[in-house]
Amino acid sequence: MNTLGLIVLLLHLLGIAALLGGLLAQARDSEKRITPVIRDGVGTAFVAGIVLVGLLEAGDGDVNHLKIGVKFLVNLVVLVLVMANMRKPSIPNGLFWALTGLTVLNVVLALFWSGGHTY
């Protein structure tokens, strides 16, 4: 992978870290909410993921389209749920844990789905 690809991969990983970190920082709080860190993390991860796929398609990298499609769908659901609940003072515990679970699922898909790149 070239330097641009590595920089975009770093941004993607930092976005996921911000999203998951923002969620887990509230795990013990009785009232949970969508914070700017969560919003920015999911947005960064989503956009950087799309750019990564574009770089792979433009280069000579193998792209597992099924894996990328599933990861795109999971991340899109997280993005929509985050944006739809951004202005609410708090979110239900079920939504909070769904966002956390979907985020972890996306990381698991990236790491353990065989074939192609890990992103």
N, C-alpha and C. Protein backbone atom coordinates (compact mmCIF):
# COMPACT_ATOMS: atom_id res chain seq x y z
N MET A 1 0.86 -1.17 0.00
CA MET A 1 0.00 0.00 0.00
C MET A 1 0.90 1.23 0.00
N ASN A 2 0.51 2.22 -0.75
CA ASN A 2 1.33 3.43 -0.83
C ASN A 2 1.08 4.35 0.37
N THR A 3 1.80 5.42 0.41
CA THR A 3 1.73 6.35 1.55
C THR A 3 0.33 6.93 1.72
N LEU A 4 -0.31 7.31 0.62
CA LEU A 4 -1.67 7.86 0.71
C LEU A 4 -2.62 6.83 1.32
N GLY A 5 -2.52 5.59 0.88
CA GLY A 5 -3.36 4.53 1.42
C GLY A 5 -3.14 4.33 2.90
N LEU A 6 -1.90 4.39 3.33
CA LEU A 6 -1.60 4.23 4.76
C LEU A 6 -2.15 5.39 5.59
N ILE A 7 -2.08 6.59 5.05
CA ILE A 7 -2.62 7.76 5.76
C ILE A 7 -4.14 7.64 5.89
N VAL A 8 -4.80 7.23 4.81
CA VAL A 8 -6.25 7.06 4.86
C VAL A 8 -6.63 5.92 5.80
N LEU A 9 -5.85 4.84 5.78
CA LEU A 9 -6.10 3.74 6.72
C LEU A 9 -5.95 4.22 8.17
N LEU A 10 -4.94 5.03 8.43
CA LEU A 10 -4.76 5.60 9.77
C LEU A 10 -5.98 6.43 10.18
N LEU A 11 -6.47 7.27 9.27
CA LEU A 11 -7.66 8.08 9.57
C LEU A 11 -8.87 7.18 9.84
N HIS A 12 -9.00 6.11 9.07
CA HIS A 12 -10.10 5.17 9.26
C HIS A 12 -10.03 4.54 10.66
N LEU A 13 -8.84 4.10 11.04
CA LEU A 13 -8.66 3.48 12.35
C LEU A 13 -8.88 4.48 13.49
N LEU A 14 -8.42 5.71 13.30
CA LEU A 14 -8.64 6.73 14.32
C LEU A 14 -10.13 7.06 14.46
N GLY A 15 -10.85 7.06 13.35
CA GLY A 15 -12.30 7.27 13.40
C GLY A 15 -13.00 6.19 14.18
N ILE A 16 -12.63 4.94 13.92
CA ILE A 16 -13.23 3.82 14.66
C ILE A 16 -12.88 3.92 16.15
N ALA A 17 -11.63 4.28 16.43
CA ALA A 17 -11.21 4.41 17.83
C ALA A 17 -12.00 5.51 18.54
N ALA A 18 -12.22 6.63 17.87
CA ALA A 18 -12.99 7.72 18.46
C ALA A 18 -14.44 7.30 18.70
N LEU A 19 -15.02 6.63 17.72
CA LEU A 19 -16.40 6.16 17.85
C LEU A 19 -16.54 5.19 19.02
N LEU A 20 -15.71 4.16 19.03
CA LEU A 20 -15.81 3.16 20.09
C LEU A 20 -15.40 3.74 21.45
N GLY A 21 -14.38 4.56 21.46
CA GLY A 21 -13.96 5.19 22.72
C GLY A 21 -15.03 6.10 23.28
N GLY A 22 -15.66 6.88 22.40
CA GLY A 22 -16.75 7.77 22.83
C GLY A 22 -17.93 7.00 23.40
N LEU A 23 -18.19 5.84 22.83
CA LEU A 23 -19.27 5.01 23.36
C LEU A 23 -18.89 4.37 24.68
N LEU A 24 -17.72 3.74 24.71
CA LEU A 24 -17.32 3.02 25.93
C LEU A 24 -17.07 3.95 27.11
N ALA A 25 -16.71 5.20 26.85
CA ALA A 25 -16.50 6.15 27.94
C ALA A 25 -17.79 6.39 28.73
N GLN A 26 -18.94 6.09 28.12
CA GLN A 26 -20.22 6.31 28.78
C GLN A 26 -20.86 5.02 29.29
N ALA A 27 -20.16 3.93 29.18
CA ALA A 27 -20.76 2.63 29.49
C ALA A 27 -21.36 2.56 30.89
N ARG A 28 -20.73 3.20 31.85
CA ARG A 28 -21.24 3.15 33.23
C ARG A 28 -22.17 4.31 33.58
N ASP A 29 -22.29 5.28 32.68
CA ASP A 29 -23.18 6.41 32.93
C ASP A 29 -24.63 5.96 32.88
N SER A 30 -25.45 6.53 33.74
CA SER A 30 -26.86 6.16 33.72
C SER A 30 -27.58 6.79 32.53
N GLU A 31 -27.14 7.97 32.13
CA GLU A 31 -27.73 8.63 30.98
C GLU A 31 -26.68 8.70 29.87
N LYS A 32 -27.03 8.12 28.73
CA LYS A 32 -26.10 8.07 27.62
C LYS A 32 -26.55 9.02 26.52
N ARG A 33 -25.58 9.56 25.78
CA ARG A 33 -25.92 10.49 24.70
C ARG A 33 -24.91 10.36 23.57
N ILE A 34 -25.27 10.92 22.45
CA ILE A 34 -24.37 10.97 21.30
C ILE A 34 -23.52 12.23 21.47
N THR A 35 -22.23 12.05 21.55
CA THR A 35 -21.32 13.18 21.73
C THR A 35 -20.69 13.56 20.39
N PRO A 36 -20.10 14.75 20.32
CA PRO A 36 -19.40 15.13 19.09
C PRO A 36 -18.27 14.16 18.72
N VAL A 37 -17.62 13.56 19.71
CA VAL A 37 -16.56 12.59 19.42
C VAL A 37 -17.14 11.37 18.69
N ILE A 38 -18.29 10.91 19.13
CA ILE A 38 -18.94 9.78 18.48
C ILE A 38 -19.34 10.16 17.06
N ARG A 39 -19.96 11.32 16.91
CA ARG A 39 -20.37 11.79 15.58
C ARG A 39 -19.18 11.92 14.64
N ASP A 40 -18.13 12.56 15.10
CA ASP A 40 -16.96 12.76 14.25
C ASP A 40 -16.24 11.45 13.96
N GLY A 41 -16.23 10.55 14.94
CA GLY A 41 -15.59 9.25 14.73
C GLY A 41 -16.28 8.43 13.67
N VAL A 42 -17.60 8.35 13.74
CA VAL A 42 -18.33 7.56 12.75
C VAL A 42 -18.22 8.21 11.37
N GLY A 43 -18.26 9.52 11.30
CA GLY A 43 -18.13 10.21 10.01
C GLY A 43 -16.77 9.99 9.39
N THR A 44 -15.74 10.09 10.21
CA THR A 44 -14.37 9.89 9.72
C THR A 44 -14.16 8.46 9.25
N ALA A 45 -14.61 7.50 10.05
CA ALA A 45 -14.46 6.09 9.68
C ALA A 45 -15.21 5.79 8.39
N PHE A 46 -16.41 6.35 8.24
CA PHE A 46 -17.24 6.09 7.06
C PHE A 46 -16.59 6.65 5.80
N VAL A 47 -16.21 7.91 5.84
CA VAL A 47 -15.62 8.55 4.66
C VAL A 47 -14.27 7.92 4.32
N ALA A 48 -13.44 7.70 5.33
CA ALA A 48 -12.13 7.10 5.08
C ALA A 48 -12.27 5.68 4.53
N GLY A 49 -13.27 4.94 4.98
CA GLY A 49 -13.51 3.59 4.46
C GLY A 49 -13.86 3.62 2.98
N ILE A 50 -14.70 4.57 2.59
CA ILE A 50 -15.05 4.71 1.18
C ILE A 50 -13.83 5.07 0.35
N VAL A 51 -13.01 5.99 0.87
CA VAL A 51 -11.79 6.37 0.15
C VAL A 51 -10.84 5.18 0.03
N LEU A 52 -10.72 4.38 1.08
CA LEU A 52 -9.86 3.19 1.03
C LEU A 52 -10.30 2.23 -0.07
N VAL A 53 -11.58 1.99 -0.17
CA VAL A 53 -12.08 1.09 -1.21
C VAL A 53 -11.79 1.69 -2.59
N GLY A 54 -11.97 2.99 -2.73
CA GLY A 54 -11.66 3.64 -4.00
C GLY A 54 -10.19 3.51 -4.36
N LEU A 55 -9.32 3.66 -3.38
CA LEU A 55 -7.88 3.50 -3.64
C LEU A 55 -7.55 2.07 -4.04
N LEU A 56 -8.18 1.11 -3.40
CA LEU A 56 -7.94 -0.29 -3.76
C LEU A 56 -8.46 -0.59 -5.16
N GLU A 57 -9.62 -0.08 -5.48
CA GLU A 57 -10.19 -0.30 -6.82
C GLU A 57 -9.33 0.35 -7.90
N ALA A 58 -8.79 1.52 -7.60
CA ALA A 58 -7.96 2.24 -8.57
C ALA A 58 -6.60 1.58 -8.75
N GLY A 59 -6.11 0.93 -7.71
CA GLY A 59 -4.81 0.26 -7.76
C GLY A 59 -4.97 -1.17 -8.22
N ASP A 60 -4.03 -1.98 -7.82
CA ASP A 60 -4.08 -3.39 -8.22
C ASP A 60 -4.45 -4.29 -7.05
N GLY A 61 -5.08 -3.71 -6.03
CA GLY A 61 -5.48 -4.49 -4.86
C GLY A 61 -6.73 -5.31 -5.13
N ASP A 62 -6.82 -6.46 -4.48
CA ASP A 62 -8.02 -7.30 -4.55
C ASP A 62 -9.04 -6.75 -3.56
N VAL A 63 -10.28 -6.62 -4.01
CA VAL A 63 -11.34 -6.11 -3.14
C VAL A 63 -12.40 -7.20 -2.99
N ASN A 64 -12.69 -7.58 -1.76
CA ASN A 64 -13.76 -8.52 -1.46
C ASN A 64 -15.05 -7.70 -1.36
N HIS A 65 -15.79 -7.65 -2.45
CA HIS A 65 -16.96 -6.77 -2.52
C HIS A 65 -18.06 -7.16 -1.53
N LEU A 66 -18.21 -8.42 -1.26
CA LEU A 66 -19.23 -8.84 -0.29
C LEU A 66 -18.86 -8.32 1.10
N LYS A 67 -17.61 -8.50 1.48
CA LYS A 67 -17.14 -8.02 2.79
C LYS A 67 -17.30 -6.52 2.89
N ILE A 68 -16.86 -5.80 1.87
CA ILE A 68 -16.95 -4.34 1.88
C ILE A 68 -18.41 -3.91 1.93
N GLY A 69 -19.28 -4.61 1.20
CA GLY A 69 -20.70 -4.27 1.21
C GLY A 69 -21.34 -4.45 2.58
N VAL A 70 -21.00 -5.54 3.25
CA VAL A 70 -21.54 -5.78 4.60
C VAL A 70 -21.02 -4.74 5.57
N LYS A 71 -19.71 -4.47 5.51
CA LYS A 71 -19.13 -3.45 6.40
C LYS A 71 -19.73 -2.08 6.12
N PHE A 72 -19.95 -1.76 4.84
CA PHE A 72 -20.56 -0.49 4.47
C PHE A 72 -21.96 -0.39 5.08
N LEU A 73 -22.74 -1.45 4.95
CA LEU A 73 -24.11 -1.44 5.48
C LEU A 73 -24.12 -1.27 6.99
N VAL A 74 -23.26 -2.00 7.69
CA VAL A 74 -23.21 -1.88 9.16
C VAL A 74 -22.81 -0.46 9.56
N ASN A 75 -21.78 0.08 8.90
CA ASN A 75 -21.33 1.42 9.25
C ASN A 75 -22.37 2.48 8.87
N LEU A 76 -23.10 2.25 7.78
CA LEU A 76 -24.15 3.19 7.38
C LEU A 76 -25.26 3.21 8.42
N VAL A 77 -25.63 2.06 8.94
CA VAL A 77 -26.65 1.99 10.00
C VAL A 77 -26.19 2.77 11.22
N VAL A 78 -24.93 2.57 11.62
CA VAL A 78 -24.39 3.30 12.78
C VAL A 78 -24.40 4.80 12.50
N LEU A 79 -23.96 5.20 11.31
CA LEU A 79 -23.94 6.62 10.95
C LEU A 79 -25.33 7.24 11.01
N VAL A 80 -26.31 6.56 10.44
CA VAL A 80 -27.69 7.08 10.43
C VAL A 80 -28.24 7.18 11.85
N LEU A 81 -28.02 6.14 12.66
CA LEU A 81 -28.51 6.18 14.04
C LEU A 81 -27.85 7.29 14.86
N VAL A 82 -26.56 7.47 14.65
CA VAL A 82 -25.85 8.54 15.37
C VAL A 82 -26.39 9.90 14.95
N MET A 83 -26.51 10.13 13.66
CA MET A 83 -26.96 11.44 13.19
C MET A 83 -28.42 11.71 13.57
N ALA A 84 -29.25 10.68 13.55
CA ALA A 84 -30.66 10.85 13.90
C ALA A 84 -30.85 11.18 15.38
N ASN A 85 -29.90 10.80 16.22
CA ASN A 85 -30.04 11.00 17.67
C ASN A 85 -29.06 12.03 18.22
N MET A 86 -28.39 12.76 17.35
CA MET A 86 -27.35 13.70 17.76
C MET A 86 -27.88 14.81 18.68
N ARG A 87 -29.03 15.32 18.39
CA ARG A 87 -29.55 16.48 19.14
C ARG A 87 -30.39 16.10 20.36
N LYS A 88 -30.58 14.82 20.56
CA LYS A 88 -31.37 14.39 21.72
C LYS A 88 -30.53 14.47 22.98
N PRO A 89 -31.13 14.88 24.10
CA PRO A 89 -30.36 15.00 25.34
C PRO A 89 -29.85 13.66 25.86
N SER A 90 -30.55 12.58 25.55
CA SER A 90 -30.08 11.25 25.96
C SER A 90 -30.68 10.23 24.99
N ILE A 91 -30.06 9.05 24.99
CA ILE A 91 -30.56 7.97 24.14
C ILE A 91 -30.87 6.76 25.01
N PRO A 92 -31.77 5.90 24.56
CA PRO A 92 -32.09 4.70 25.34
C PRO A 92 -30.88 3.77 25.44
N ASN A 93 -30.82 3.02 26.53
CA ASN A 93 -29.73 2.06 26.72
C ASN A 93 -29.65 1.05 25.58
N GLY A 94 -30.79 0.62 25.08
CA GLY A 94 -30.80 -0.34 23.98
C GLY A 94 -30.12 0.19 22.73
N LEU A 95 -30.39 1.45 22.42
CA LEU A 95 -29.75 2.07 21.26
C LEU A 95 -28.25 2.21 21.49
N PHE A 96 -27.89 2.60 22.70
CA PHE A 96 -26.48 2.74 23.03
C PHE A 96 -25.74 1.43 22.83
N TRP A 97 -26.29 0.33 23.36
CA TRP A 97 -25.62 -0.96 23.24
C TRP A 97 -25.68 -1.50 21.82
N ALA A 98 -26.73 -1.14 21.07
CA ALA A 98 -26.79 -1.53 19.66
C ALA A 98 -25.68 -0.84 18.87
N LEU A 99 -25.47 0.45 19.13
CA LEU A 99 -24.38 1.18 18.47
C LEU A 99 -23.02 0.58 18.82
N THR A 100 -22.85 0.26 20.10
CA THR A 100 -21.59 -0.34 20.54
C THR A 100 -21.39 -1.71 19.89
N GLY A 101 -22.41 -2.52 19.88
CA GLY A 101 -22.32 -3.85 19.29
C GLY A 101 -22.06 -3.81 17.79
N LEU A 102 -22.73 -2.91 17.09
CA LEU A 102 -22.51 -2.79 15.64
C LEU A 102 -21.10 -2.30 15.34
N THR A 103 -20.59 -1.42 16.17
CA THR A 103 -19.22 -0.93 15.98
C THR A 103 -18.21 -2.06 16.17
N VAL A 104 -18.41 -2.84 17.23
CA VAL A 104 -17.52 -3.99 17.46
C VAL A 104 -17.67 -5.01 16.34
N LEU A 105 -18.90 -5.23 15.88
CA LEU A 105 -19.14 -6.15 14.77
C LEU A 105 -18.34 -5.72 13.53
N ASN A 106 -18.32 -4.43 13.25
CA ASN A 106 -17.59 -3.94 12.09
C ASN A 106 -16.09 -4.20 12.22
N VAL A 107 -15.55 -4.06 13.42
CA VAL A 107 -14.13 -4.35 13.64
C VAL A 107 -13.89 -5.85 13.48
N VAL A 108 -14.78 -6.67 14.01
CA VAL A 108 -14.64 -8.12 13.89
C VAL A 108 -14.69 -8.54 12.42
N LEU A 109 -15.61 -7.96 11.67
CA LEU A 109 -15.69 -8.27 10.23
C LEU A 109 -14.38 -7.92 9.53
N ALA A 110 -13.83 -6.77 9.86
CA ALA A 110 -12.59 -6.33 9.23
C ALA A 110 -11.44 -7.28 9.54
N LEU A 111 -11.38 -7.75 10.76
CA LEU A 111 -10.24 -8.56 11.18
C LEU A 111 -10.36 -10.04 10.82
N PHE A 112 -11.55 -10.59 10.89
CA PHE A 112 -11.69 -12.03 10.80
C PHE A 112 -12.33 -12.55 9.52
N TRP A 113 -12.90 -11.68 8.70
CA TRP A 113 -13.47 -12.15 7.44
C TRP A 113 -12.31 -12.44 6.51
N SER A 114 -12.19 -13.67 6.09
CA SER A 114 -11.02 -14.08 5.30
C SER A 114 -11.12 -13.54 3.87
N GLY A 115 -9.97 -13.35 3.30
CA GLY A 115 -9.87 -12.90 1.92
C GLY A 115 -9.79 -11.40 1.81
N GLY A 116 -8.96 -10.94 0.93
CA GLY A 116 -8.85 -9.51 0.66
C GLY A 116 -8.13 -8.81 1.79
N HIS A 117 -8.24 -7.52 1.80
CA HIS A 117 -7.58 -6.68 2.80
C HIS A 117 -8.39 -6.65 4.07
N THR A 118 -7.79 -6.20 5.14
CA THR A 118 -8.48 -6.18 6.44
C THR A 118 -9.30 -4.93 6.64
N TYR A 119 -9.52 -4.18 5.61
CA TYR A 119 -10.36 -3.01 5.73
C TYR A 119 -11.35 -3.05 4.64
